[in-house]
Amino acid sequence: MRFRFLTSQSGAVYPLSLVFFLSALSLLSHMVLLYAIEYQTYDSLENVHRNATIQLLMEIGQNKIPE
């Protein structure tokens, strides 16, 4: 038998733990990637809002109030 260690109870734990840790690692990296995308989206929206606010305040300062 080539995979004799899988037939024993203690030998079957290693491949199962390897599959568990690889799946946990892939799930964790997927969550980190989603968080990074969400962070970049909110950061860019905040920058756009900040720039629009600065532009609006400059127009108010120059008495060019938009309608």
Protein backbone atom coordinates (compact mmCIF):
# COMPACT_ATOMS: atom_id res chain seq x y z
CA MET A 1 0.00 0.00 0.00
CA ARG A 2 1.30 3.32 -0.96
CA PHE A 3 -0.71 5.46 1.47
CA ARG A 4 -0.55 3.18 4.48
CA PHE A 5 -0.32 6.15 6.89
CA LEU A 6 -3.86 7.19 5.89
CA THR A 7 -5.33 3.95 7.21
CA SER A 8 -4.18 4.59 10.75
CA GLN A 9 -6.04 7.06 12.88
CA SER A 10 -3.05 9.23 13.71
CA GLY A 11 -1.83 9.34 10.11
CA ALA A 12 -5.17 10.52 8.73
CA VAL A 13 -5.01 13.65 10.86
CA TYR A 14 -2.17 15.24 8.89
CA PRO A 15 -3.87 15.50 5.48
CA LEU A 16 -7.11 16.62 7.10
CA SER A 17 -5.34 19.32 9.09
CA LEU A 18 -3.49 20.40 5.97
CA VAL A 19 -6.76 20.77 4.06
CA PHE A 20 -8.30 22.65 6.99
CA PHE A 21 -5.42 25.12 7.30
CA LEU A 22 -5.21 25.71 3.55
CA SER A 23 -8.94 26.40 3.36
CA ALA A 24 -8.73 28.69 6.40
CA LEU A 25 -5.80 30.52 4.81
CA SER A 26 -7.66 30.99 1.54
CA LEU A 27 -10.76 32.22 3.38
CA LEU A 28 -8.70 34.66 5.42
CA SER A 29 -6.89 36.01 2.37
CA HIS A 30 -10.23 36.41 0.57
CA MET A 31 -11.64 38.40 3.49
CA VAL A 32 -8.54 40.63 3.61
CA LEU A 33 -8.83 41.25 -0.13
CA LEU A 34 -12.50 42.21 0.20
CA TYR A 35 -11.70 44.55 3.09
CA ALA A 36 -8.93 46.21 1.08
CA ILE A 37 -11.28 46.79 -1.86
CA GLU A 38 -13.94 48.21 0.44
CA TYR A 39 -11.39 50.47 2.14
CA GLN A 40 -10.15 51.82 -1.20
CA THR A 41 -13.72 52.51 -2.31
CA TYR A 42 -14.62 54.43 0.84
CA ASP A 43 -11.30 56.30 0.75
CA SER A 44 -11.84 57.44 -2.84
CA LEU A 45 -15.42 58.50 -2.05
CA GLU A 46 -14.17 60.50 0.91
CA ASN A 47 -11.54 62.20 -1.26
CA VAL A 48 -14.17 63.16 -3.85
CA HIS A 49 -16.46 64.52 -1.15
CA ARG A 50 -13.61 66.49 0.43
CA ASN A 51 -12.60 68.01 -2.90
CA ALA A 52 -16.20 68.96 -3.69
CA THR A 53 -16.55 70.60 -0.28
CA ILE A 54 -13.34 72.58 -0.76
CA GLN A 55 -14.47 73.70 -4.21
CA LEU A 56 -17.88 74.74 -2.87
CA LEU A 57 -16.29 76.73 -0.04
CA MET A 58 -13.99 78.48 -2.52
CA GLU A 59 -16.99 79.42 -4.67
CA ILE A 60 -18.83 80.75 -1.63
CA GLY A 61 -15.72 82.74 -0.68
CA GLN A 62 -15.66 84.32 -4.12
CA ASN A 63 -19.41 85.09 -3.89
CA LYS A 64 -20.18 82.71 -6.73
CA ILE A 65 -22.88 80.76 -5.00
CA PRO A 66 -24.19 77.99 -7.29
CA GLU A 67 -27.93 77.61 -7.59
